[in-house]
Amino acid sequence: MAKGQIRKALAGYYYVYDDGKVYQTRGRGVFRKRGITPLVGDFVEYVVEGNNDGTVTEIFPRMNELVRPPISNVDQAILVFSVKEPNFNTVLLDRFLVALESFDVEPIICLTKLDLLPEDEKPLIAKYKEQYEKIGYTIIETFIDDAQLLDKITPLLEHKTTVLAGQSGVGKSTLLNTLMPELNLKTGIISSALNRGKHTTRHVELIEVAGGLVADTPGFSSFDFETIEKEQLTACFPELQKASESCKFRECLHLKEPKCEVKKLVESGSIEQYRYDHYLQFLQEITDRKPRY
Protein backbone atom coordinates (compact mmCIF):
# COMPACT_ATOMS: atom_id res chain seq x y z
CA MET A 1 0.00 0.00 0.00
CA ALA A 2 1.05 3.59 -0.66
CA LYS A 3 2.01 6.09 2.03
CA GLY A 4 1.46 9.84 2.07
CA GLN A 5 0.33 12.81 4.13
CA ILE A 6 -3.10 14.40 4.39
CA ARG A 7 -2.64 17.99 3.23
CA LYS A 8 -6.29 19.09 3.14
CA ALA A 9 -9.64 17.98 4.58
CA LEU A 10 -12.85 19.27 3.02
CA ALA A 11 -16.45 18.07 2.89
CA GLY A 12 -15.61 14.56 4.10
CA TYR A 13 -12.71 14.07 1.70
CA TYR A 14 -9.03 13.81 2.63
CA TYR A 15 -6.49 14.95 0.08
CA VAL A 16 -3.35 12.84 0.42
CA TYR A 17 -0.02 14.11 -0.93
CA ASP A 18 2.40 11.48 -2.16
CA ASP A 19 5.51 12.09 -4.27
CA GLY A 20 4.24 15.23 -5.99
CA LYS A 21 0.69 14.02 -6.56
CA VAL A 22 -2.52 14.55 -4.58
CA TYR A 23 -5.16 11.83 -4.22
CA GLN A 24 -8.74 12.39 -3.11
CA THR A 25 -9.63 9.82 -0.46
CA ARG A 26 -12.22 8.85 2.10
CA GLY A 27 -11.55 7.38 5.53
CA ARG A 28 -12.31 3.75 6.29
CA GLY A 29 -15.58 3.12 8.08
CA VAL A 30 -13.66 1.39 10.87
CA PHE A 31 -12.20 4.77 11.88
CA ARG A 32 -15.67 6.05 12.79
CA LYS A 33 -16.37 2.92 14.82
CA ARG A 34 -13.15 3.47 16.74
CA GLY A 35 -13.88 7.17 17.23
CA ILE A 36 -10.87 8.14 15.12
CA THR A 37 -10.94 11.03 12.66
CA PRO A 38 -8.18 11.48 10.09
CA LEU A 39 -6.57 14.91 10.44
CA VAL A 40 -4.68 17.25 8.18
CA GLY A 41 -1.02 16.53 8.91
CA ASP A 42 -1.54 12.79 9.43
CA PHE A 43 0.87 10.42 7.77
CA VAL A 44 -1.28 7.64 6.37
CA GLU A 45 -1.42 4.48 4.36
CA TYR A 46 -3.93 4.50 1.51
CA VAL A 47 -5.12 2.58 -1.53
CA VAL A 48 -6.17 4.12 -4.85
CA GLU A 49 -9.47 3.05 -6.39
CA GLY A 50 -10.22 4.29 -9.90
CA ASN A 51 -8.62 7.34 -11.45
CA ASN A 52 -8.04 9.51 -8.40
CA ASP A 53 -10.31 8.19 -5.65
CA GLY A 54 -8.84 6.28 -2.75
CA THR A 55 -9.30 5.15 0.83
CA VAL A 56 -7.18 5.91 3.86
CA THR A 57 -6.56 2.52 5.47
CA GLU A 58 -4.19 3.36 8.33
CA ILE A 59 -3.16 6.41 10.32
CA PHE A 60 0.39 6.35 11.67
CA PRO A 61 1.13 7.50 15.26
CA ARG A 62 0.97 11.26 15.73
CA MET A 63 3.63 13.46 17.28
CA ASN A 64 0.79 15.66 18.58
CA GLU A 65 -2.66 16.84 17.59
CA LEU A 66 -4.58 20.04 18.08
CA VAL A 67 -8.32 20.07 18.68
CA ARG A 68 -9.01 23.52 17.26
CA PRO A 69 -7.79 23.74 14.57
CA PRO A 70 -7.98 19.98 13.87
CA ILE A 71 -4.43 19.24 12.72
CA SER A 72 -1.64 16.86 13.71
CA ASN A 73 2.15 16.61 13.66
CA VAL A 74 2.71 20.34 14.16
CA ASP A 75 6.20 21.63 14.95
CA GLN A 76 5.42 25.25 15.70
CA ALA A 77 2.70 27.89 15.66
CA ILE A 78 3.00 31.51 14.61
CA LEU A 79 0.59 33.36 16.89
CA VAL A 80 -0.50 36.42 14.96
CA PHE A 81 -1.56 39.20 17.33
CA SER A 82 -2.23 42.78 16.36
CA VAL A 83 -1.20 45.63 18.63
CA LYS A 84 -4.20 47.65 17.39
CA GLU A 85 -7.56 46.92 15.73
CA PRO A 86 -8.06 44.65 17.63
CA ASN A 87 -6.01 45.78 20.61
CA PHE A 88 -3.19 43.65 22.02
CA ASN A 89 -4.63 41.23 24.57
CA THR A 90 -2.25 39.47 26.99
CA VAL A 91 -4.99 37.23 28.44
CA LEU A 92 -5.79 35.88 24.99
CA LEU A 93 -2.12 35.55 24.08
CA ASP A 94 -1.40 33.60 27.27
CA ARG A 95 -4.41 31.38 26.59
CA PHE A 96 -2.94 30.49 23.20
CA LEU A 97 0.55 30.04 24.63
CA VAL A 98 -0.66 27.71 27.38
CA ALA A 99 -2.63 25.58 24.93
CA LEU A 100 0.35 25.28 22.58
CA GLU A 101 2.74 24.47 25.43
CA SER A 102 0.37 21.69 26.51
CA PHE A 103 0.52 20.17 23.01
CA ASP A 104 4.32 20.52 22.85
CA VAL A 105 4.08 22.97 19.94
CA GLU A 106 6.69 25.74 19.88
CA PRO A 107 5.06 29.21 19.81
CA ILE A 108 6.36 32.15 17.79
CA ILE A 109 4.66 35.47 18.48
CA CYS A 110 4.07 37.77 15.50
CA LEU A 111 2.94 41.28 16.41
CA THR A 112 1.17 43.00 13.50
CA LYS A 113 -0.16 46.47 12.69
CA LEU A 114 2.72 48.32 14.37
CA ASP A 115 1.96 51.18 11.97
CA LEU A 116 -1.40 51.76 13.70
CA LEU A 117 0.09 52.09 17.18
CA PRO A 118 -0.08 55.62 18.65
CA GLU A 119 3.16 57.04 20.03
CA ASP A 120 1.90 57.03 23.61
CA GLU A 121 1.18 53.27 23.45
CA LYS A 122 4.53 52.20 21.98
CA PRO A 123 6.38 52.00 25.34
CA LEU A 124 3.81 49.54 26.72
CA ILE A 125 4.05 47.23 23.70
CA ALA A 126 7.84 47.44 23.85
CA LYS A 127 7.68 46.45 27.51
CA TYR A 128 5.45 43.45 26.77
CA LYS A 129 7.82 42.40 23.96
CA GLU A 130 10.78 42.53 26.33
CA GLN A 131 8.91 40.52 28.98
CA TYR A 132 7.85 37.73 26.62
CA GLU A 133 11.33 37.53 25.09
CA LYS A 134 12.76 37.22 28.61
CA ILE A 135 10.50 34.19 29.14
CA GLY A 136 12.03 32.68 26.02
CA TYR A 137 9.52 33.32 23.24
CA THR A 138 10.57 34.40 19.76
CA ILE A 139 8.83 37.61 18.68
CA ILE A 140 8.49 39.09 15.20
CA GLU A 141 7.16 42.60 14.60
CA THR A 142 5.55 43.70 11.35
CA PHE A 143 3.32 46.33 9.79
CA ILE A 144 1.47 47.01 6.57
CA ASP A 145 3.70 46.89 3.48
CA ASP A 146 6.63 45.64 5.55
CA ALA A 147 9.35 45.06 2.94
CA GLN A 148 11.36 42.91 5.38
CA LEU A 149 8.52 40.55 6.34
CA LEU A 150 9.66 37.68 4.13
CA ASP A 151 13.18 37.94 5.51
CA LYS A 152 11.79 37.81 9.05
CA ILE A 153 9.43 34.86 8.53
CA THR A 154 10.82 32.47 5.92
CA PRO A 155 13.96 31.34 7.84
CA LEU A 156 11.64 30.07 10.58
CA LEU A 157 9.57 27.91 8.21
CA GLU A 158 12.15 25.63 6.59
CA HIS A 159 11.69 21.92 7.38
CA LYS A 160 8.85 22.78 9.81
CA THR A 161 5.10 22.26 9.86
CA THR A 162 3.71 25.56 11.03
CA VAL A 163 0.25 26.65 12.11
CA LEU A 164 -0.89 30.24 11.71
CA ALA A 165 -3.23 31.05 14.57
CA GLY A 166 -4.59 33.97 16.50
CA GLN A 167 -7.59 36.17 17.06
CA SER A 168 -9.73 36.87 14.00
CA GLY A 169 -8.94 40.00 12.07
CA VAL A 170 -5.30 40.29 13.11
CA GLY A 171 -3.84 39.49 9.70
CA LYS A 172 -3.34 35.72 9.37
CA SER A 173 -4.55 35.60 5.77
CA THR A 174 -2.68 38.80 4.97
CA LEU A 175 0.49 37.20 6.30
CA LEU A 176 -0.01 34.07 4.21
CA ASN A 177 -0.77 36.22 1.15
CA THR A 178 2.63 37.85 1.68
CA LEU A 179 4.35 34.46 1.87
CA MET A 180 2.52 33.13 -1.20
CA PRO A 181 0.89 35.93 -3.22
CA GLU A 182 -0.50 33.47 -5.77
CA LEU A 183 -2.91 32.15 -3.14
CA ASN A 184 -4.72 35.49 -3.07
CA LEU A 185 -6.60 34.51 0.07
CA LYS A 186 -9.52 36.69 0.96
CA THR A 187 -8.57 39.00 3.82
CA GLY A 188 -10.94 39.81 6.65
CA ILE A 189 -12.81 43.01 7.38
CA ILE A 190 -12.73 44.34 10.90
CA SER A 191 -16.08 44.76 12.57
CA SER A 192 -15.79 48.10 14.33
CA ALA A 193 -18.82 47.32 16.47
CA LEU A 194 -17.26 44.14 17.86
CA ASN A 195 -13.59 45.18 17.55
CA ARG A 196 -12.78 41.80 16.07
CA GLY A 197 -12.58 40.28 12.64
CA LYS A 198 -14.96 38.18 10.64
CA HIS A 199 -13.93 34.62 9.83
CA THR A 200 -12.57 34.25 6.30
CA THR A 201 -10.92 30.81 6.14
CA ARG A 202 -13.22 27.78 6.01
CA HIS A 203 -10.99 24.71 6.07
CA VAL A 204 -7.56 23.56 7.19
CA GLU A 205 -4.95 23.05 4.49
CA LEU A 206 -1.19 22.51 4.52
CA ILE A 207 0.57 24.62 1.90
CA GLU A 208 4.22 24.33 0.84
CA VAL A 209 5.98 27.56 1.80
CA ALA A 210 9.71 28.35 2.05
CA GLY A 211 10.81 24.73 2.33
CA GLY A 212 8.19 23.84 4.95
CA LEU A 213 4.45 23.42 5.35
CA VAL A 214 2.15 26.14 6.62
CA ALA A 215 -1.45 25.62 7.71
CA ASP A 216 -3.91 28.43 7.19
CA THR A 217 -6.59 27.71 9.75
CA PRO A 218 -10.15 28.89 10.36
CA GLY A 219 -10.27 32.05 12.40
CA PHE A 220 -10.83 31.47 16.10
CA SER A 221 -10.48 33.72 19.09
CA SER A 222 -10.18 31.51 22.14
CA PHE A 223 -8.92 28.25 23.57
CA ASP A 224 -10.39 26.27 26.40
CA PHE A 225 -8.39 23.83 28.48
CA GLU A 226 -10.26 20.58 27.96
CA THR A 227 -7.13 18.42 27.94
CA ILE A 228 -5.12 20.14 30.69
CA GLU A 229 -5.29 19.03 34.31
CA LYS A 230 -4.62 21.58 37.03
CA GLU A 231 -1.39 19.83 38.05
CA GLN A 232 -0.10 20.29 34.49
CA LEU A 233 -0.81 24.01 34.17
CA THR A 234 2.44 25.20 35.78
CA ALA A 235 4.44 23.44 33.05
CA CYS A 236 2.63 25.55 30.45
CA PHE A 237 4.12 28.75 31.94
CA PRO A 238 7.90 28.38 31.39
CA GLU A 239 8.94 30.90 34.03
CA LEU A 240 6.56 29.37 36.60
CA GLN A 241 7.80 25.89 35.76
CA LYS A 242 11.42 26.94 36.33
CA ALA A 243 10.58 28.60 39.65
CA SER A 244 8.43 25.68 40.82
CA GLU A 245 11.51 23.46 40.97
CA SER A 246 12.36 25.33 44.19
CA CYS A 247 8.88 25.10 45.73
CA LYS A 248 8.67 23.09 48.94
CA PHE A 249 5.96 20.81 47.55
CA ARG A 250 6.45 18.97 44.26
CA GLU A 251 2.87 19.52 43.07
CA CYS A 252 2.55 23.05 44.44
CA LEU A 253 -0.30 24.95 42.80
CA HIS A 254 1.12 28.30 43.97
CA LEU A 255 -1.98 29.30 45.88
CA LYS A 256 -1.60 29.19 49.68
CA GLU A 257 1.14 26.59 50.00
CA PRO A 258 4.07 27.52 52.28
CA LYS A 259 7.52 28.22 50.83
CA CYS A 260 6.22 28.67 47.29
CA GLU A 261 9.01 30.00 45.07
CA VAL A 262 6.56 31.15 42.40
CA LYS A 263 4.68 33.46 44.78
CA LYS A 264 7.99 34.70 46.14
CA LEU A 265 9.21 35.68 42.66
CA VAL A 266 5.88 37.30 41.81
CA GLU A 267 6.12 39.45 44.94
CA SER A 268 9.69 40.45 44.07
CA GLY A 269 8.72 41.33 40.49
CA SER A 270 10.88 38.62 38.91
CA ILE A 271 7.70 36.99 37.55
CA GLU A 272 5.21 39.41 36.02
CA GLN A 273 2.05 39.87 38.09
CA TYR A 274 -0.25 39.66 35.06
CA ARG A 275 1.24 36.30 34.05
CA TYR A 276 0.58 34.94 37.54
CA ASP A 277 -2.94 36.43 37.47
CA HIS A 278 -3.60 34.65 34.18
CA TYR A 279 -2.28 31.42 35.69
CA LEU A 280 -4.79 31.79 38.55
CA GLN A 281 -7.60 32.56 36.10
CA PHE A 282 -6.85 29.52 33.97
CA LEU A 283 -6.43 27.33 37.06
CA GLN A 284 -9.90 28.35 38.20
CA GLU A 285 -11.33 27.53 34.77
CA ILE A 286 -9.81 24.07 34.92
CA THR A 287 -11.00 23.55 38.50
CA ASP A 288 -14.55 24.59 37.56
CA ARG A 289 -14.58 22.43 34.42
CA LYS A 290 -17.18 19.69 34.34
CA PRO A 291 -15.63 16.23 34.81
CA ARG A 292 -14.84 14.32 31.62
CA TYR A 293 -16.17 10.78 31.42
Foldseek 3Di string as FASTA:
>chain_A
DDKFFFFWDDPQWTWTDDPHDTATEHEDPVCVVVVHDDFHGWIFDWDDDPDRYIYTDGTDDFLFADVVVTHTNAAAEEAQAECVLPHGDVLLVLQVLLSCLVRNHAYAYEYEAPVVDDPVCVVVVVVVVVQVVVLPHHYHYYYPPGPCLCVVPLVVFAPGEYEYAYFAPRQSVVSVCVQPVVVVFDHWDRDPVVSGTDWRDDIWGWDDTNNHTYIYHTHDRGDAPPPDALLCSLSSRSVSVVQQVQAPDNSDSPDPDPRRRSVVCCVVVVRPPVSVVSNVVNSVRNVPDDDDD
